[in-house]
Amino acid sequence: MRVILVTGKGGVGKTTVAASTAIRAADLGHRTLVMSTDPAHSLADAYQTPLGDSPTEVVDYLAAQQIDSQQRLEESWGAVRDYLTDIFDWSGLEGIEAEELTVFPGMDELFSLASVRDHVESGEYDTIIVDCAPTAETLRLLSLPEVMSWYMDKMFPVGRRVAKVVRPVVSRVSSMPLADEQVFDSVARFYARIDGVREILGDPEMTSARLVMNPEKMVIAEARRTYTYLGLFGYAVDSAVVNRVLPEAVTDPYFKRWHEIQAGHLASVDEGFADIDIRRLRLFDEEMVGPERLRIVGEELFGDTDPTVRLSEGRPFRVEDDGDNVVLVVGMPFAEHSDLDVMRHEDELFVTVGPYRRSIVLPDSLRRRHVVRAKLAEGELRVTFGTVE
């Protein structure tokens, strides 16, 4: 079983990459499902096929699905939402503002991603490809089951029993709404829905994320930040796809400057994503929609490579606690001390090994810390960051 998450900034062509990857996988005989958790839902447009909340066959061995995130949210969060709305109404906040505050940012996509677990457990598919929303923020929320587990094991049963006891008493002295059994059942369903999703998506043998970007400065910067946070939260990234690269065959003088600009950006991609597979897709001269055209995209993107395999093995880095300090650990299996140089500049860490240089965008938790030391040992570079400045 393989799960492939395709993500990137909005408008870079990630749906095209996801849809063409799925076509390529199906053509190789893998039972494939491609599902969209992006509220924009452009997967149906890509295939030029009506799609709904249930899997729909597109071609042989390939089904596609556009998750109804609101329906998933209603199933698992509806009672909690109604209770929170009552609380806000009681406190004086009414109308659409109160309703909007009852659903936290990213929850709709989180419940959509929970559907991945259902498909993995069904055993109906060999490969599941997820066209994610244009951000990796929701992936941070997948640590929520771990945070909630202590509460659900220790405090939730107690809170439920206490609520039964105090509800009649409080109702006689206050008009404040109190949670009933329906609310507690909804919280339990919420936890059950997302429990186990991180275990699946955080397993590098099963799941890989693939970043899609255009050769543009701001887009590449966003992709690098996403790469950092995916690594920080334990998700494996095995490939970066640079889409809409001007073909060398375009020699019109008007595009000469664009070729030069893109060359600089492509060099930046090679530097920033040096430890993973990097693939390029040319700017096509027509809109690549429909199964046949997407099949061309998939063939050009992967060639003879099976798109379902892990395209690279490494992780960008890991972060470890060392007392009051934090250690950033980067794999450098072939580096020698004489070849290595480490430099910090603002929110980037530059690592040079011989003729190769790599820059790492530091997560927020490290930006406020200063570098204490850097040490190369047993194929790993360990950069120690001191206390918060």
Protein backbone atom coordinates (compact mmCIF):
# COMPACT_ATOMS: atom_id res chain seq x y z
CA MET A 1 0.00 0.00 0.00
CA ARG A 2 1.25 3.45 -0.93
CA VAL A 3 -0.21 6.84 -0.04
CA ILE A 4 1.08 9.89 -1.95
CA LEU A 5 0.22 13.40 -0.78
CA VAL A 6 0.49 16.06 -3.49
CA THR A 7 0.62 19.59 -2.11
CA GLY A 8 1.78 23.05 -3.08
CA LYS A 9 0.77 26.68 -3.28
CA GLY A 10 -2.52 27.41 -5.00
CA GLY A 11 -2.33 27.67 -8.79
CA VAL A 12 0.94 25.79 -9.32
CA GLY A 13 -0.71 22.79 -11.00
CA LYS A 14 -0.77 20.30 -8.13
CA THR A 15 -4.13 18.88 -9.25
CA THR A 16 -2.68 18.23 -12.70
CA VAL A 17 0.32 16.48 -11.11
CA ALA A 18 -1.93 14.41 -8.82
CA ALA A 19 -4.31 13.44 -11.64
CA SER A 20 -1.49 12.53 -14.06
CA THR A 21 0.34 10.55 -11.37
CA ALA A 22 -2.84 8.56 -10.77
CA ILE A 23 -3.32 7.87 -14.49
CA ARG A 24 0.28 6.68 -14.76
CA ALA A 25 -0.10 4.40 -11.73
CA ALA A 26 -3.32 2.91 -13.12
CA ASP A 27 -1.72 2.30 -16.52
CA LEU A 28 0.93 0.24 -14.74
CA GLY A 29 -1.75 -1.97 -13.23
CA HIS A 30 -1.97 -0.49 -9.72
CA ARG A 31 -5.48 -0.29 -8.29
CA THR A 32 -5.50 3.45 -7.74
CA LEU A 33 -7.71 5.99 -6.01
CA VAL A 34 -7.11 9.72 -6.37
CA MET A 35 -9.01 11.85 -3.89
CA SER A 36 -9.28 15.60 -3.52
CA THR A 37 -9.35 17.24 -0.08
CA ASP A 38 -8.98 20.69 -1.63
CA PRO A 39 -12.20 22.69 -1.12
CA ALA A 40 -11.71 24.13 -4.63
CA HIS A 41 -12.25 20.61 -6.06
CA SER A 42 -10.73 20.90 -9.54
CA LEU A 43 -10.13 17.17 -9.91
CA ALA A 44 -13.37 16.70 -11.85
CA ASP A 45 -12.28 19.48 -14.22
CA ALA A 46 -8.90 17.81 -14.71
CA TYR A 47 -10.49 14.50 -15.71
CA GLN A 48 -13.47 16.16 -17.41
CA THR A 49 -15.62 13.69 -15.52
CA PRO A 50 -18.36 14.40 -12.93
CA LEU A 51 -17.12 13.34 -9.50
CA GLY A 52 -18.80 13.17 -6.12
CA ASP A 53 -18.23 12.11 -2.54
CA SER A 54 -17.99 8.44 -3.50
CA PRO A 55 -15.25 6.96 -5.74
CA THR A 56 -16.10 7.09 -9.45
CA GLU A 57 -14.28 5.03 -12.09
CA VAL A 58 -12.34 7.23 -14.53
CA VAL A 59 -10.32 4.65 -16.49
CA ASP A 60 -9.39 1.03 -15.87
CA TYR A 61 -7.83 0.58 -12.40
CA LEU A 62 -8.50 4.24 -11.51
CA ALA A 63 -11.24 5.78 -9.39
CA ALA A 64 -11.51 9.42 -8.32
CA GLN A 65 -13.30 11.08 -5.42
CA GLN A 66 -13.96 14.66 -4.30
CA ILE A 67 -14.47 14.55 -0.55
CA ASP A 68 -17.45 16.47 0.82
CA SER A 69 -15.59 17.96 3.78
CA GLN A 70 -18.69 19.67 5.16
CA GLN A 71 -20.52 16.36 5.33
CA ARG A 72 -17.59 14.75 7.15
CA LEU A 73 -17.43 17.71 9.52
CA GLU A 74 -21.15 17.53 10.23
CA GLU A 75 -20.96 13.81 11.02
CA SER A 76 -18.21 14.16 13.61
CA TRP A 77 -18.51 17.72 14.87
CA GLY A 78 -22.16 18.72 14.41
CA ALA A 79 -23.25 18.37 18.05
CA VAL A 80 -20.13 20.12 19.34
CA ARG A 81 -20.68 22.95 16.86
CA ASP A 82 -24.29 23.38 18.03
CA TYR A 83 -23.19 23.40 21.67
CA LEU A 84 -20.47 26.01 21.03
CA THR A 85 -23.00 28.12 19.13
CA ASP A 86 -25.28 28.03 22.18
CA ILE A 87 -22.37 29.08 24.41
CA PHE A 88 -21.53 32.02 22.13
CA ASP A 89 -25.19 33.03 21.95
CA TRP A 90 -25.42 32.92 25.75
CA SER A 91 -22.30 35.11 26.04
CA GLY A 92 -23.74 37.70 23.67
CA LEU A 93 -22.03 36.78 20.39
CA GLU A 94 -24.70 35.93 17.86
CA GLY A 95 -25.24 35.32 14.19
CA ILE A 96 -22.72 34.30 11.57
CA GLU A 97 -19.72 35.33 13.71
CA ALA A 98 -20.65 32.80 16.40
CA GLU A 99 -21.22 30.06 13.82
CA GLU A 100 -17.87 30.70 12.13
CA LEU A 101 -16.01 30.46 15.45
CA THR A 102 -17.34 26.97 16.15
CA VAL A 103 -15.16 25.40 13.42
CA PHE A 104 -11.42 25.77 13.75
CA PRO A 105 -9.24 26.49 10.67
CA GLY A 106 -8.15 23.34 8.88
CA MET A 107 -10.71 21.04 10.50
CA ASP A 108 -12.62 20.43 7.28
CA GLU A 109 -9.51 19.18 5.51
CA LEU A 110 -8.48 17.21 8.59
CA PHE A 111 -11.71 15.22 8.41
CA SER A 112 -11.18 14.79 4.67
CA LEU A 113 -7.74 13.33 5.31
CA ALA A 114 -9.31 10.98 7.83
CA SER A 115 -10.99 9.30 4.86
CA VAL A 116 -7.54 8.09 3.81
CA ARG A 117 -7.55 5.73 6.78
CA ASP A 118 -10.90 4.29 5.69
CA HIS A 119 -9.55 3.51 2.21
CA VAL A 120 -6.29 2.07 3.54
CA GLU A 121 -8.18 -0.25 5.86
CA SER A 122 -10.57 -1.32 3.10
CA GLY A 123 -7.78 -2.96 1.09
CA GLU A 124 -9.52 -2.05 -2.18
CA TYR A 125 -6.61 -0.02 -3.53
CA ASP A 126 -2.86 -0.44 -3.99
CA THR A 127 -2.22 3.29 -4.25
CA ILE A 128 -4.04 6.31 -2.85
CA ILE A 129 -3.09 9.73 -4.20
CA VAL A 130 -4.34 12.76 -2.28
CA ASP A 131 -4.72 16.14 -3.98
CA CYS A 132 -4.30 18.25 -0.84
CA ALA A 133 -5.46 21.80 -0.20
CA PRO A 134 -2.88 24.46 -1.12
CA THR A 135 -1.15 24.40 2.25
CA ALA A 136 0.52 21.94 4.59
CA GLU A 137 -0.98 23.58 7.69
CA THR A 138 -3.52 20.80 8.13
CA LEU A 139 -0.73 18.25 8.39
CA ARG A 140 0.34 19.95 11.60
CA LEU A 141 -3.10 19.18 13.00
CA LEU A 142 -2.42 15.48 12.57
CA SER A 143 -0.45 15.61 15.81
CA LEU A 144 -3.80 16.31 17.48
CA PRO A 145 -4.62 12.62 18.18
CA GLU A 146 -1.39 12.28 20.15
CA VAL A 147 -2.17 15.41 22.15
CA MET A 148 -5.76 14.31 22.70
CA SER A 149 -4.94 10.72 23.67
CA TRP A 150 -4.05 11.64 27.27
CA TYR A 151 -7.22 13.69 27.60
CA MET A 152 -9.39 10.96 26.06
CA ASP A 153 -7.87 8.25 28.28
CA LYS A 154 -7.70 10.15 31.57
CA MET A 155 -9.95 13.21 31.65
CA PHE A 156 -12.73 12.53 29.15
CA PRO A 157 -14.46 9.73 31.12
CA VAL A 158 -14.19 11.76 34.33
CA GLY A 159 -15.52 14.92 32.68
CA ARG A 160 -18.44 13.00 31.26
CA ARG A 161 -19.40 11.63 34.70
CA VAL A 162 -18.98 15.02 36.38
CA ALA A 163 -21.14 16.70 33.75
CA LYS A 164 -23.98 14.29 34.54
CA VAL A 165 -23.79 15.24 38.23
CA VAL A 166 -23.48 19.04 37.94
CA ARG A 167 -25.81 19.56 34.98
CA PRO A 168 -29.04 19.47 37.03
CA VAL A 169 -27.56 21.71 39.74
CA VAL A 170 -26.13 24.34 37.40
CA SER A 171 -29.27 24.41 35.28
CA ARG A 172 -31.24 25.62 38.33
CA VAL A 173 -28.90 28.54 39.11
CA SER A 174 -27.66 29.58 35.67
CA SER A 175 -28.91 29.77 32.11
CA MET A 176 -25.47 28.85 30.73
CA PRO A 177 -25.75 25.86 28.34
CA LEU A 178 -24.01 22.69 29.56
CA ALA A 179 -22.71 19.87 27.41
CA ASP A 180 -25.05 16.88 27.21
CA GLU A 181 -24.38 13.26 26.22
CA GLN A 182 -24.78 14.10 22.55
CA VAL A 183 -21.88 16.55 22.77
CA PHE A 184 -19.65 13.99 24.51
CA ASP A 185 -20.57 11.40 21.89
CA SER A 186 -19.63 13.89 19.17
CA VAL A 187 -16.21 14.50 20.77
CA ALA A 188 -15.65 10.75 20.94
CA ARG A 189 -16.56 10.39 17.25
CA PHE A 190 -14.22 13.26 16.42
CA TYR A 191 -11.33 11.51 18.15
CA ALA A 192 -12.15 8.14 16.62
CA ARG A 193 -12.30 9.73 13.15
CA ILE A 194 -8.79 11.14 13.22
CA ASP A 195 -7.14 8.53 15.45
CA GLY A 196 -4.71 6.48 13.39
CA VAL A 197 -4.45 8.92 10.49
CA ARG A 198 -1.10 10.31 11.60
CA GLU A 199 0.24 6.78 12.04
CA ILE A 200 -0.52 6.11 8.36
CA LEU A 201 0.64 9.44 6.96
CA GLY A 202 3.73 9.54 9.19
CA ASP A 203 4.98 6.11 8.04
CA PRO A 204 7.66 6.80 5.38
CA GLU A 205 7.40 3.24 4.07
CA MET A 206 3.74 3.83 3.26
CA THR A 207 3.33 7.57 2.73
CA SER A 208 5.30 10.24 0.86
CA ALA A 209 4.55 13.89 0.25
CA ARG A 210 5.39 15.51 -3.09
CA LEU A 211 5.77 19.25 -3.43
CA VAL A 212 4.64 21.02 -6.59
CA MET A 213 5.92 24.47 -7.47
CA ASN A 214 6.51 26.84 -10.36
CA PRO A 215 9.93 28.37 -11.12
CA GLU A 216 9.00 31.59 -9.33
CA LYS A 217 10.72 33.12 -6.31
CA MET A 218 7.71 33.40 -3.99
CA VAL A 219 6.39 29.95 -4.92
CA ILE A 220 9.74 28.29 -4.29
CA ALA A 221 10.05 30.07 -0.94
CA GLU A 222 6.63 28.74 0.08
CA ALA A 223 7.57 25.22 -1.03
CA ARG A 224 10.75 25.35 1.03
CA ARG A 225 8.82 26.41 4.13
CA THR A 226 6.38 23.56 3.53
CA TYR A 227 9.31 21.16 3.15
CA THR A 228 10.74 22.35 6.46
CA TYR A 229 7.52 21.86 8.37
CA LEU A 230 6.71 18.52 6.82
CA GLY A 231 10.13 17.33 7.96
CA LEU A 232 9.74 18.92 11.36
CA PHE A 233 6.48 17.10 11.99
CA GLY A 234 7.81 13.78 10.74
CA TYR A 235 6.37 13.49 7.23
CA ALA A 236 8.59 12.10 4.50
CA VAL A 237 8.97 14.13 1.30
CA ASP A 238 10.33 12.10 -1.59
CA SER A 239 10.06 14.48 -4.55
CA ALA A 240 9.77 18.08 -5.68
CA VAL A 241 8.05 18.78 -9.01
CA VAL A 242 8.84 22.03 -10.83
CA ASN A 243 5.94 22.71 -13.16
CA ARG A 244 5.62 25.04 -16.18
CA VAL A 245 9.30 25.22 -17.07
CA LEU A 246 9.89 26.98 -20.39
CA PRO A 247 11.11 24.41 -22.95
CA GLU A 248 14.51 24.96 -24.53
CA ALA A 249 12.74 24.82 -27.88
CA VAL A 250 11.18 28.21 -27.12
CA THR A 251 13.80 30.50 -28.66
CA ASP A 252 11.76 33.62 -29.34
CA PRO A 253 13.78 36.68 -28.18
CA TYR A 254 10.81 37.76 -26.07
CA PHE A 255 11.39 34.75 -23.78
CA LYS A 256 15.17 35.13 -23.50
CA ARG A 257 14.92 37.00 -20.21
CA TRP A 258 12.38 34.51 -18.90
CA HIS A 259 14.81 31.68 -19.64
CA GLU A 260 17.48 33.49 -17.63
CA ILE A 261 15.15 34.13 -14.69
CA GLN A 262 13.94 30.54 -14.65
CA ALA A 263 17.50 29.23 -14.80
CA GLY A 264 18.28 31.10 -11.58
CA HIS A 265 15.15 29.77 -9.89
CA LEU A 266 15.86 26.22 -11.02
CA ALA A 267 19.32 26.47 -9.49
CA SER A 268 17.65 27.60 -6.25
CA VAL A 269 15.41 24.53 -6.35
CA ASP A 270 18.42 22.25 -6.88
CA GLU A 271 20.07 23.83 -3.83
CA GLY A 272 17.06 23.87 -1.54
CA PHE A 273 15.86 20.33 -2.33
CA ALA A 274 19.23 18.67 -2.90
CA ASP A 275 18.48 15.57 -0.85
CA ILE A 276 15.28 14.50 -2.63
CA ASP A 277 14.19 13.61 -6.14
CA ILE A 278 13.57 16.67 -8.35
CA ARG A 279 11.45 16.47 -11.50
CA ARG A 280 10.51 19.08 -14.07
CA LEU A 281 7.45 19.50 -16.23
CA ARG A 282 7.53 21.72 -19.27
CA LEU A 283 5.04 24.46 -19.96
CA PHE A 284 2.65 22.80 -22.40
CA ASP A 285 1.18 24.72 -25.32
CA GLU A 286 -2.35 23.57 -24.53
CA GLU A 287 -4.53 22.89 -21.51
CA MET A 288 -3.73 19.41 -20.24
CA VAL A 289 -7.13 18.11 -19.18
CA GLY A 290 -8.87 14.83 -19.82
CA PRO A 291 -7.41 11.31 -19.37
CA GLU A 292 -5.49 11.22 -22.65
CA ARG A 293 -3.65 14.51 -22.14
CA LEU A 294 -3.02 13.73 -18.47
CA ARG A 295 -1.53 10.45 -19.61
CA ILE A 296 1.02 12.46 -21.65
CA VAL A 297 1.85 14.54 -18.58
CA GLY A 298 2.36 11.41 -16.49
CA GLU A 299 4.62 9.83 -19.08
CA GLU A 300 6.77 12.96 -19.33
CA LEU A 301 6.90 13.36 -15.56
CA PHE A 302 7.91 9.81 -14.69
CA GLY A 303 9.30 8.23 -17.86
CA ASP A 304 10.11 4.61 -17.06
CA THR A 305 9.83 5.17 -13.31
CA ASP A 306 6.92 3.67 -11.40
CA PRO A 307 5.27 6.72 -9.75
CA THR A 308 4.18 4.66 -6.75
CA VAL A 309 7.69 3.84 -5.52
CA ARG A 310 9.57 5.99 -3.04
CA LEU A 311 11.49 8.38 -5.25
CA SER A 312 14.04 9.18 -2.53
CA GLU A 313 14.78 7.71 0.87
CA GLY A 314 16.00 10.55 3.04
CA ARG A 315 14.28 12.93 5.42
CA PRO A 316 15.33 16.58 5.41
CA PHE A 317 16.26 16.68 9.10
CA ARG A 318 15.05 15.96 12.58
CA VAL A 319 14.97 18.06 15.73
CA GLU A 320 16.03 16.76 19.16
CA ASP A 321 15.91 18.29 22.63
CA ASP A 322 19.19 18.57 24.55
CA GLY A 323 18.37 20.12 27.90
CA ASP A 324 17.64 23.78 27.28
CA ASN A 325 19.16 23.51 23.81
CA VAL A 326 17.68 22.16 20.58
CA VAL A 327 19.71 20.13 18.07
CA LEU A 328 19.01 20.17 14.35
CA VAL A 329 20.25 16.89 12.86
CA VAL A 330 20.93 16.72 9.11
CA GLY A 331 22.07 13.55 7.35
CA MET A 332 25.51 13.99 5.72
CA PRO A 333 26.61 10.39 5.04
CA PHE A 334 29.59 11.18 2.78
CA ALA A 335 30.76 14.52 4.17
CA GLU A 336 34.28 15.08 5.51
CA HIS A 337 35.22 17.70 8.10
CA SER A 338 37.56 19.42 5.66
CA ASP A 339 34.72 19.80 3.11
CA LEU A 340 32.08 21.11 5.49
CA ASP A 341 31.06 24.68 6.22
CA VAL A 342 28.00 25.88 8.16
CA MET A 343 26.70 29.45 8.19
CA ARG A 344 23.55 31.01 9.63
CA HIS A 345 21.98 34.04 7.94
CA GLU A 346 18.67 35.34 9.32
CA ASP A 347 16.13 32.50 9.02
CA GLU A 348 18.29 30.23 6.84
CA LEU A 349 21.06 27.77 7.61
CA PHE A 350 23.57 27.31 4.79
CA VAL A 351 25.47 24.03 4.66
CA THR A 352 28.32 23.64 2.17
CA VAL A 353 29.93 20.27 1.43
CA GLY A 354 32.72 20.56 -1.12
CA PRO A 355 31.22 22.12 -4.26
CA TYR A 356 27.67 21.55 -3.09
CA ARG A 357 25.67 24.01 -1.03
CA ARG A 358 22.32 23.55 0.60
CA SER A 359 20.11 26.02 2.44
CA ILE A 360 17.56 25.03 5.07
CA VAL A 361 14.70 27.33 6.02
CA LEU A 362 14.57 27.23 9.81
CA PRO A 363 11.23 26.59 11.53
CA ASP A 364 9.82 29.31 13.74
CA SER A 365 10.95 27.47 16.87
CA LEU A 366 14.62 27.82 15.84
CA ARG A 367 14.61 31.29 14.32
CA ARG A 368 14.73 32.97 17.74
CA ARG A 369 17.62 30.80 18.91
CA HIS A 370 21.33 31.31 18.23
CA VAL A 371 23.74 28.66 16.94
CA VAL A 372 26.00 27.35 19.71
CA ARG A 373 28.03 24.79 17.77
CA ALA A 374 28.01 22.44 14.78
CA LYS A 375 29.48 18.93 14.83
CA LEU A 376 29.89 16.26 12.15
CA ALA A 377 29.84 12.70 13.48
CA GLU A 378 28.79 9.30 12.12
CA GLY A 379 27.38 10.73 8.92
CA GLU A 380 25.25 13.38 10.62
CA LEU A 381 25.63 17.11 11.05
CA ARG A 382 24.40 18.19 14.47
CA VAL A 383 23.77 21.92 14.81
CA THR A 384 23.02 23.00 18.38
CA PHE A 385 20.81 26.02 19.00
CA GLY A 386 20.92 27.76 22.37
CA THR A 387 18.17 29.26 24.49
CA VAL A 388 15.67 31.68 23.02
CA GLU A 389 17.08 35.15 22.59
